[in-house]
Structures are given as structure tokens and as C-alpha cells.
C-alpha atoms as a PDB file:
ATOM      1  CA  UNK A   1     -16.366 -25.571 -43.461  1.00  0.00           C
ATOM      2  CA  UNK A   2     -13.541 -23.545 -45.026  1.00  0.00           C
ATOM      3  CA  UNK A   3     -13.419 -24.752 -48.632  1.00  0.00           C
ATOM      4  CA  UNK A   4     -10.810 -22.344 -50.026  1.00  0.00           C
ATOM      5  CA  UNK A   5      -8.762 -19.276 -49.138  1.00  0.00           C
ATOM      6  CA  UNK A   6      -7.538 -16.464 -51.379  1.00  0.00           C
ATOM      7  CA  UNK A   7      -5.007 -14.067 -49.901  1.00  0.00           C
ATOM      8  CA  UNK A   8      -1.403 -13.043 -49.342  1.00  0.00           C
ATOM      9  CA  UNK A   9       1.227 -15.558 -48.262  1.00  0.00           C
ATOM     10  CA  UNK A  10       2.970 -14.362 -45.115  1.00  0.00           C
ATOM     11  CA  UNK A  11       5.468 -17.144 -44.384  1.00  0.00           C
ATOM     12  CA  UNK A  12       6.321 -20.657 -45.584  1.00  0.00           C
ATOM     13  CA  UNK A  13       8.137 -23.404 -43.702  1.00  0.00           C
ATOM     14  CA  UNK A  14       8.792 -27.109 -44.243  1.00  0.00           C
ATOM     15  CA  UNK A  15       5.225 -28.221 -43.487  1.00  0.00           C
ATOM     16  CA  UNK A  16       2.855 -25.257 -43.772  1.00  0.00           C
ATOM     17  CA  UNK A  17       2.262 -21.743 -45.009  1.00  0.00           C
ATOM     18  CA  UNK A  18       0.626 -18.805 -43.254  1.00  0.00           C
ATOM     19  CA  UNK A  19      -1.826 -16.995 -45.524  1.00  0.00           C
ATOM     20  CA  UNK A  20      -3.530 -13.724 -44.590  1.00  0.00           C
ATOM     21  CA  UNK A  21      -7.143 -13.338 -45.668  1.00  0.00           C
ATOM     22  CA  UNK A  22      -9.074 -10.250 -44.587  1.00  0.00           C
ATOM     23  CA  UNK A  23      -6.649  -9.495 -41.772  1.00  0.00           C
ATOM     24  CA  UNK A  24      -6.734 -13.057 -40.395  1.00  0.00           C
ATOM     25  CA  UNK A  25      -3.745 -15.394 -40.722  1.00  0.00           C
ATOM     26  CA  UNK A  26      -4.515 -19.033 -41.461  1.00  0.00           C
ATOM     27  CA  UNK A  27      -1.895 -21.749 -40.999  1.00  0.00           C
ATOM     28  CA  UNK A  28      -2.369 -24.290 -43.791  1.00  0.00           C
ATOM     29  CA  UNK A  29      -0.559 -27.630 -43.943  1.00  0.00           C
ATOM     30  CA  UNK A  30       0.301 -28.531 -47.536  1.00  0.00           C
ATOM     31  CA  UNK A  31       2.164 -31.124 -49.651  1.00  0.00           C
ATOM     32  CA  UNK A  32       5.872 -30.386 -50.112  1.00  0.00           C
ATOM     33  CA  UNK A  33       5.521 -29.789 -53.857  1.00  0.00           C
ATOM     34  CA  UNK A  34       2.821 -27.149 -53.263  1.00  0.00           C
ATOM     35  CA  UNK A  35       4.902 -25.426 -50.591  1.00  0.00           C
ATOM     36  CA  UNK A  36       7.792 -25.204 -53.050  1.00  0.00           C
ATOM     37  CA  UNK A  37       5.579 -23.158 -55.400  1.00  0.00           C
ATOM     38  CA  UNK A  38       4.626 -20.422 -52.917  1.00  0.00           C
ATOM     39  CA  UNK A  39       6.640 -17.752 -51.157  1.00  0.00           C
ATOM     40  CA  UNK A  40       6.097 -14.836 -48.824  1.00  0.00           C
ATOM     41  CA  UNK A  41       4.536 -11.769 -50.436  1.00  0.00           C
ATOM     42  CA  UNK A  42       2.744 -13.593 -53.237  1.00  0.00           C
ATOM     43  CA  UNK A  43      -1.022 -13.759 -53.664  1.00  0.00           C
ATOM     44  CA  UNK A  44      -2.475 -17.229 -54.063  1.00  0.00           C
ATOM     45  CA  UNK A  45      -5.589 -19.355 -53.777  1.00  0.00           C
ATOM     46  CA  UNK A  46      -5.554 -22.590 -51.854  1.00  0.00           C
ATOM     47  CA  UNK A  47      -8.257 -25.283 -51.759  1.00  0.00           C
ATOM     48  CA  UNK A  48      -8.715 -26.356 -48.163  1.00  0.00           C
ATOM     49  CA  UNK A  49     -10.057 -29.074 -45.898  1.00  0.00           C
ATOM     50  CA  UNK A  50     -10.712 -28.401 -42.203  1.00  0.00           C
ATOM     51  CA  UNK A  51     -10.046 -31.378 -39.941  1.00  0.00           C
ATOM     52  CA  UNK A  52     -11.427 -31.284 -36.393  1.00  0.00           C
ATOM     53  CA  UNK A  53     -10.161 -33.860 -33.905  1.00  0.00           C
ATOM     54  CA  UNK A  54     -10.242 -34.166 -30.112  1.00  0.00           C
ATOM     55  CA  UNK A  55      -6.960 -32.335 -29.620  1.00  0.00           C
ATOM     56  CA  UNK A  56      -6.541 -30.106 -32.691  1.00  0.00           C
ATOM     57  CA  UNK A  57      -8.210 -28.168 -35.472  1.00  0.00           C
ATOM     58  CA  UNK A  58      -6.029 -28.375 -38.583  1.00  0.00           C
ATOM     59  CA  UNK A  59      -6.416 -26.788 -42.006  1.00  0.00           C
ATOM     60  CA  UNK A  60      -4.997 -28.719 -44.974  1.00  0.00           C
ATOM     61  CA  UNK A  61      -4.549 -27.026 -48.344  1.00  0.00           C
ATOM     62  CA  UNK A  62      -3.732 -27.698 -51.986  1.00  0.00           C
ATOM     63  CA  UNK A  63      -2.955 -25.450 -54.942  1.00  0.00           C
ATOM     64  CA  UNK A  64      -4.994 -27.606 -57.330  1.00  0.00           C
ATOM     65  CA  UNK A  65      -8.574 -28.936 -56.905  1.00  0.00           C
ATOM     66  CA  UNK A  66      -7.443 -32.371 -58.169  1.00  0.00           C
ATOM     67  CA  UNK A  67      -5.041 -32.731 -55.233  1.00  0.00           C
ATOM     68  CA  UNK A  68      -7.791 -31.875 -52.759  1.00  0.00           C
ATOM     69  CA  UNK A  69     -10.128 -34.409 -54.369  1.00  0.00           C
ATOM     70  CA  UNK A  70      -7.437 -37.090 -54.137  1.00  0.00           C
ATOM     71  CA  UNK A  71      -6.810 -36.157 -50.490  1.00  0.00           C
ATOM     72  CA  UNK A  72     -10.513 -36.541 -49.675  1.00  0.00           C
ATOM     73  CA  UNK A  73     -10.623 -39.921 -51.417  1.00  0.00           C
ATOM     74  CA  UNK A  74      -7.660 -41.102 -49.367  1.00  0.00           C
ATOM     75  CA  UNK A  75      -9.496 -40.122 -46.178  1.00  0.00           C
ATOM     76  CA  UNK A  76     -12.278 -42.556 -47.113  1.00  0.00           C
ATOM     77  CA  UNK A  77      -9.858 -45.461 -46.736  1.00  0.00           C
ATOM     78  CA  UNK A  78     -10.201 -47.076 -43.310  1.00  0.00           C
ATOM     79  CA  UNK A  79      -7.201 -46.301 -41.131  1.00  0.00           C
ATOM     80  CA  UNK A  80      -5.903 -43.437 -43.309  1.00  0.00           C
ATOM     81  CA  UNK A  81      -5.952 -40.059 -41.576  1.00  0.00           C
ATOM     82  CA  UNK A  82      -5.083 -36.564 -42.805  1.00  0.00           C
ATOM     83  CA  UNK A  83      -1.405 -36.789 -41.838  1.00  0.00           C
ATOM     84  CA  UNK A  84      -0.813 -39.967 -43.830  1.00  0.00           C
ATOM     85  CA  UNK A  85      -2.889 -38.669 -46.760  1.00  0.00           C
ATOM     86  CA  UNK A  86      -0.767 -35.502 -46.814  1.00  0.00           C
ATOM     87  CA  UNK A  87       2.410 -37.584 -46.563  1.00  0.00           C
ATOM     88  CA  UNK A  88       1.265 -39.551 -49.624  1.00  0.00           C
ATOM     89  CA  UNK A  89       0.664 -36.362 -51.616  1.00  0.00           C
ATOM     90  CA  UNK A  90       4.078 -35.070 -50.550  1.00  0.00           C
ATOM     91  CA  UNK A  91       5.650 -38.250 -51.922  1.00  0.00           C
ATOM     92  CA  UNK A  92       3.557 -38.691 -55.092  1.00  0.00           C
ATOM     93  CA  UNK A  93       1.534 -36.115 -57.019  1.00  0.00           C
ATOM     94  CA  UNK A  94      -2.145 -37.009 -57.703  1.00  0.00           C
ATOM     95  CA  UNK A  95      -1.389 -38.482 -61.138  1.00  0.00           C
ATOM     96  CA  UNK A  96       1.521 -40.602 -59.849  1.00  0.00           C
ATOM     97  CA  UNK A  97      -0.577 -41.765 -56.923  1.00  0.00           C
ATOM     98  CA  UNK A  98      -3.523 -42.714 -59.155  1.00  0.00           C
ATOM     99  CA  UNK A  99      -1.183 -44.603 -61.483  1.00  0.00           C
ATOM    100  CA  UNK A 100       0.373 -46.484 -58.561  1.00  0.00           C
ATOM    101  CA  UNK A 101      -3.102 -47.514 -57.406  1.00  0.00           C
ATOM    102  CA  UNK A 102      -4.121 -48.565 -60.941  1.00  0.00           C
ATOM    103  CA  UNK A 103      -0.889 -50.585 -61.324  1.00  0.00           C
ATOM    104  CA  UNK A 104      -1.188 -52.265 -57.889  1.00  0.00           C
ATOM    105  CA  UNK A 105       2.172 -50.671 -57.028  1.00  0.00           C
ATOM    106  CA  UNK A 106       2.121 -50.903 -53.232  1.00  0.00           C
ATOM    107  CA  UNK A 107       5.886 -50.329 -53.124  1.00  0.00           C
ATOM    108  CA  UNK A 108       5.515 -46.831 -54.609  1.00  0.00           C
ATOM    109  CA  UNK A 109       2.780 -45.928 -52.131  1.00  0.00           C
ATOM    110  CA  UNK A 110       4.696 -47.373 -49.178  1.00  0.00           C
ATOM    111  CA  UNK A 111       7.491 -44.831 -49.743  1.00  0.00           C
ATOM    112  CA  UNK A 112       5.286 -42.262 -48.010  1.00  0.00           C
ATOM    113  CA  UNK A 113       6.437 -41.794 -44.388  1.00  0.00           C
ATOM    114  CA  UNK A 114       3.954 -43.226 -41.899  1.00  0.00           C
ATOM    115  CA  UNK A 115       2.139 -45.536 -44.308  1.00  0.00           C
ATOM    116  CA  UNK A 116       3.796 -48.946 -44.645  1.00  0.00           C
ATOM    117  CA  UNK A 117       3.138 -51.845 -47.010  1.00  0.00           C
ATOM    118  CA  UNK A 118      -0.131 -52.993 -45.400  1.00  0.00           C
ATOM    119  CA  UNK A 119      -1.587 -49.489 -45.532  1.00  0.00           C
ATOM    120  CA  UNK A 120      -0.518 -49.181 -49.178  1.00  0.00           C
ATOM    121  CA  UNK A 121      -2.249 -52.453 -50.041  1.00  0.00           C
ATOM    122  CA  UNK A 122      -5.418 -51.298 -48.258  1.00  0.00           C
ATOM    123  CA  UNK A 123      -5.461 -48.073 -50.310  1.00  0.00           C
ATOM    124  CA  UNK A 124      -5.148 -50.057 -53.539  1.00  0.00           C
ATOM    125  CA  UNK A 125      -7.902 -52.439 -52.469  1.00  0.00           C
ATOM    126  CA  UNK A 126     -10.362 -49.695 -51.494  1.00  0.00           C
ATOM    127  CA  UNK A 127      -9.614 -47.053 -54.156  1.00  0.00           C
ATOM    128  CA  UNK A 128      -8.730 -48.991 -57.297  1.00  0.00           C
ATOM    129  CA  UNK A 129     -11.145 -47.978 -60.046  1.00  0.00           C
ATOM    130  CA  UNK A 130     -12.443 -44.930 -58.168  1.00  0.00           C
ATOM    131  CA  UNK A 131      -9.758 -42.411 -59.241  1.00  0.00           C
ATOM    132  CA  UNK A 132      -9.982 -41.077 -62.802  1.00  0.00           C
ATOM    133  CA  UNK A 133      -6.372 -41.211 -64.027  1.00  0.00           C
ATOM    134  CA  UNK A 134      -7.130 -39.649 -67.428  1.00  0.00           C
ATOM    135  CA  UNK A 135      -8.843 -36.628 -65.840  1.00  0.00           C
ATOM    136  CA  UNK A 136      -5.879 -36.128 -63.490  1.00  0.00           C
ATOM    137  CA  UNK A 137      -3.394 -36.317 -66.373  1.00  0.00           C
ATOM    138  CA  UNK A 138      -5.366 -33.694 -68.320  1.00  0.00           C
ATOM    139  CA  UNK A 139      -5.480 -31.416 -65.268  1.00  0.00           C
ATOM    140  CA  UNK A 140      -1.769 -31.914 -64.657  1.00  0.00           C
ATOM    141  CA  UNK A 141      -0.956 -31.006 -68.248  1.00  0.00           C
ATOM    142  CA  UNK A 142      -2.961 -27.794 -68.011  1.00  0.00           C
ATOM    143  CA  UNK A 143      -1.231 -26.820 -64.777  1.00  0.00           C
ATOM    144  CA  UNK A 144       2.212 -27.507 -66.186  1.00  0.00           C
ATOM    145  CA  UNK A 145       1.501 -25.427 -69.281  1.00  0.00           C
ATOM    146  CA  UNK A 146       0.252 -22.479 -67.265  1.00  0.00           C
ATOM    147  CA  UNK A 147       3.095 -22.467 -64.745  1.00  0.00           C
ATOM    148  CA  UNK A 148       5.976 -20.112 -65.595  1.00  0.00           C
ATOM    149  CA  UNK A 149       9.218 -22.021 -66.078  1.00  0.00           C
ATOM    150  CA  UNK A 150      12.158 -21.061 -63.892  1.00  0.00           C
ATOM    151  CA  UNK A 151      15.144 -22.567 -65.713  1.00  0.00           C
ATOM    152  CA  UNK A 152      17.567 -21.419 -63.020  1.00  0.00           C
ATOM    153  CA  UNK A 153      15.578 -23.151 -60.292  1.00  0.00           C
ATOM    154  CA  UNK A 154      15.350 -26.287 -62.419  1.00  0.00           C
ATOM    155  CA  UNK A 155      19.153 -26.314 -62.765  1.00  0.00           C
ATOM    156  CA  UNK A 156      19.589 -26.047 -58.995  1.00  0.00           C
ATOM    157  CA  UNK A 157      16.991 -28.733 -58.269  1.00  0.00           C
ATOM    158  CA  UNK A 158      18.603 -31.090 -60.777  1.00  0.00           C
ATOM    159  CA  UNK A 159      21.991 -30.425 -59.195  1.00  0.00           C
ATOM    160  CA  UNK A 160      20.661 -31.249 -55.718  1.00  0.00           C
ATOM    161  CA  UNK A 161      18.911 -34.379 -57.000  1.00  0.00           C
ATOM    162  CA  UNK A 162      22.199 -35.542 -58.551  1.00  0.00           C
ATOM    163  CA  UNK A 163      23.645 -35.336 -55.030  1.00  0.00           C
ATOM    164  CA  UNK A 164      20.942 -37.667 -53.724  1.00  0.00           C
ATOM    165  CA  UNK A 165      18.253 -35.286 -52.448  1.00  0.00           C
ATOM    166  CA  UNK A 166      14.552 -35.902 -53.151  1.00  0.00           C
ATOM    167  CA  UNK A 167      12.913 -33.579 -55.695  1.00  0.00           C
ATOM    168  CA  UNK A 168      10.388 -32.186 -53.193  1.00  0.00           C
ATOM    169  CA  UNK A 169      13.118 -31.434 -50.617  1.00  0.00           C
ATOM    170  CA  UNK A 170      15.310 -29.835 -53.286  1.00  0.00           C
ATOM    171  CA  UNK A 171      12.486 -27.611 -54.561  1.00  0.00           C
ATOM    172  CA  UNK A 172      11.639 -26.452 -51.047  1.00  0.00           C
ATOM    173  CA  UNK A 173      15.299 -25.741 -50.226  1.00  0.00           C
ATOM    174  CA  UNK A 174      15.620 -23.585 -53.366  1.00  0.00           C
ATOM    175  CA  UNK A 175      12.510 -21.624 -52.468  1.00  0.00           C
ATOM    176  CA  UNK A 176      13.722 -21.065 -48.882  1.00  0.00           C
ATOM    177  CA  UNK A 177      17.210 -20.037 -50.072  1.00  0.00           C
ATOM    178  CA  UNK A 178      15.770 -17.427 -52.443  1.00  0.00           C
ATOM    179  CA  UNK A 179      13.388 -16.018 -49.825  1.00  0.00           C
ATOM    180  CA  UNK A 180      15.960 -15.846 -47.022  1.00  0.00           C
ATOM    181  CA  UNK A 181      18.587 -14.145 -49.168  1.00  0.00           C
ATOM    182  CA  UNK A 182      16.443 -11.814 -51.271  1.00  0.00           C
ATOM    183  CA  UNK A 183      17.204 -13.590 -54.538  1.00  0.00           C
ATOM    184  CA  UNK A 184      14.695 -12.757 -57.270  1.00  0.00           C
ATOM    185  CA  UNK A 185      12.836 -15.459 -59.171  1.00  0.00           C
ATOM    186  CA  UNK A 186      12.971 -16.688 -61.874  1.00  0.00           C
ATOM    187  CA  UNK A 187      16.587 -17.275 -60.845  1.00  0.00           C
ATOM    188  CA  UNK A 188      19.118 -15.574 -63.116  1.00  0.00           C
ATOM    189  CA  UNK A 189      21.946 -17.683 -64.569  1.00  0.00           C
ATOM    190  CA  UNK A 190      24.516 -15.743 -62.508  1.00  0.00           C
ATOM    191  CA  UNK A 191      22.669 -16.614 -59.284  1.00  0.00           C
ATOM    192  CA  UNK A 192      22.446 -20.374 -59.938  1.00  0.00           C
ATOM    193  CA  UNK A 193      25.786 -21.315 -58.252  1.00  0.00           C
ATOM    194  CA  UNK A 194      24.971 -19.163 -55.216  1.00  0.00           C
ATOM    195  CA  UNK A 195      21.476 -20.616 -54.811  1.00  0.00           C
ATOM    196  CA  UNK A 196      22.892 -24.123 -55.158  1.00  0.00           C
ATOM    197  CA  UNK A 197      25.370 -23.469 -52.324  1.00  0.00           C
ATOM    198  CA  UNK A 198      22.700 -21.904 -50.091  1.00  0.00           C
ATOM    199  CA  UNK A 199      20.143 -24.652 -50.744  1.00  0.00           C
ATOM    200  CA  UNK A 200      22.715 -27.380 -50.112  1.00  0.00           C
ATOM    201  CA  UNK A 201      23.745 -25.736 -46.849  1.00  0.00           C
ATOM    202  CA  UNK A 202      20.080 -25.545 -45.810  1.00  0.00           C
ATOM    203  CA  UNK A 203      19.520 -29.236 -46.579  1.00  0.00           C
ATOM    204  CA  UNK A 204      22.688 -30.261 -44.734  1.00  0.00           C
ATOM    205  CA  UNK A 205      21.565 -28.325 -41.633  1.00  0.00           C
ATOM    206  CA  UNK A 206      18.254 -30.180 -41.709  1.00  0.00           C
ATOM    207  CA  UNK A 207      19.785 -33.671 -41.690  1.00  0.00           C
END
């Protein structure tokens, strides 16, 4: 079992990153929010889960241990596979997901593509009381404090969200725009309008 990888990010796309470890490139499928935090050329550690099925061997990864733990708990729910679990963590972060389960908020869970209302209700039924919301909130606070703030990127993401785009899609579009056009991060104030135009164009092409 591959429990974690520590290496250099080669490429990032809408669903996965390629990370090189010891001369071997591993394709890792990750939540959208995690993909928005990595870019080619950076060194990172990712906590992984290897899924082996009849027709594929797939590696799933997360930047935080709490997200991996939540992913594994979701897999314990009957009828929930890795793709749906990843979709959930691309729609809600671990703390939001735990809160939705604690609050019996099936509507919030059902926003994840591929899940549906019945699947959301099943998750609540089987996982309520088993996810430690307080521990997740403490972990989330520590991560937020340690993460360097990119005010320029935040401005662009907020601008895209005001135009109706989801936060995860906006964050990923900003990251792709910067990578593809050699724009340094944190994004300088002068580059904000340019990144906004490039990210918007990228999102429009993906409609």
C-alpha cells in the first residue's frame, strides 16, 4: 500500500497531478481544492490511498491527513466508491462535510456530482457521530494559519465567484492561468487584472 508520496510536482490538470518520486511519476487524483494549491515545479507531500479494481489501479491523494481520513470513512458507507467520495471532498472540505452530516443536511451533501439525495441520506445515517467535527476544525485552523496568503489570487477568485463560478473552479483556473503564462505567485497587484482575464477565458473554454 502506498500511504504517502513526497516529491516534485510535474504537472497538474483538472482532476489529478503528476508527482515525481525517485525518478518515478505517479498520477494522483485529488480534490479540486487541493489541486488548486499545487503547481508544477513545487515540492509537496501527499497522503495517498491506492484503489485496486477489476479494470483500474488508481491512486487518490490529499494534502492533509484529515481529508484522507474523511475519504476512508466515506468508503465505509455501502454504495459509496472512491469517485463519489472524491467528488464529495471536491464539493465540501472535511469540516464542511462533517458539519453537514452532523446537521442532517442531505441537501448540502447531494450537491456533489454523482451522489444524489438517497446517497446523501445514507452517508448521514451511517456516519453520523463517527466524524470528530471539533478535531477537524482545529486541524483546519492550523492549516489556514500556516498557509501563505496570496491576496492577489484571493481578489481574482472573488471576482470569478461574483460572476457565478464555484470557488474550487475559480481557484483551479487561477492556478492554471499563472502556470501557463509564467505569472509568479503570490500574484502582484499589477497582475490581478491579467490573471482575471486569463482565468475567465480558461473557464469559458471549459463550459
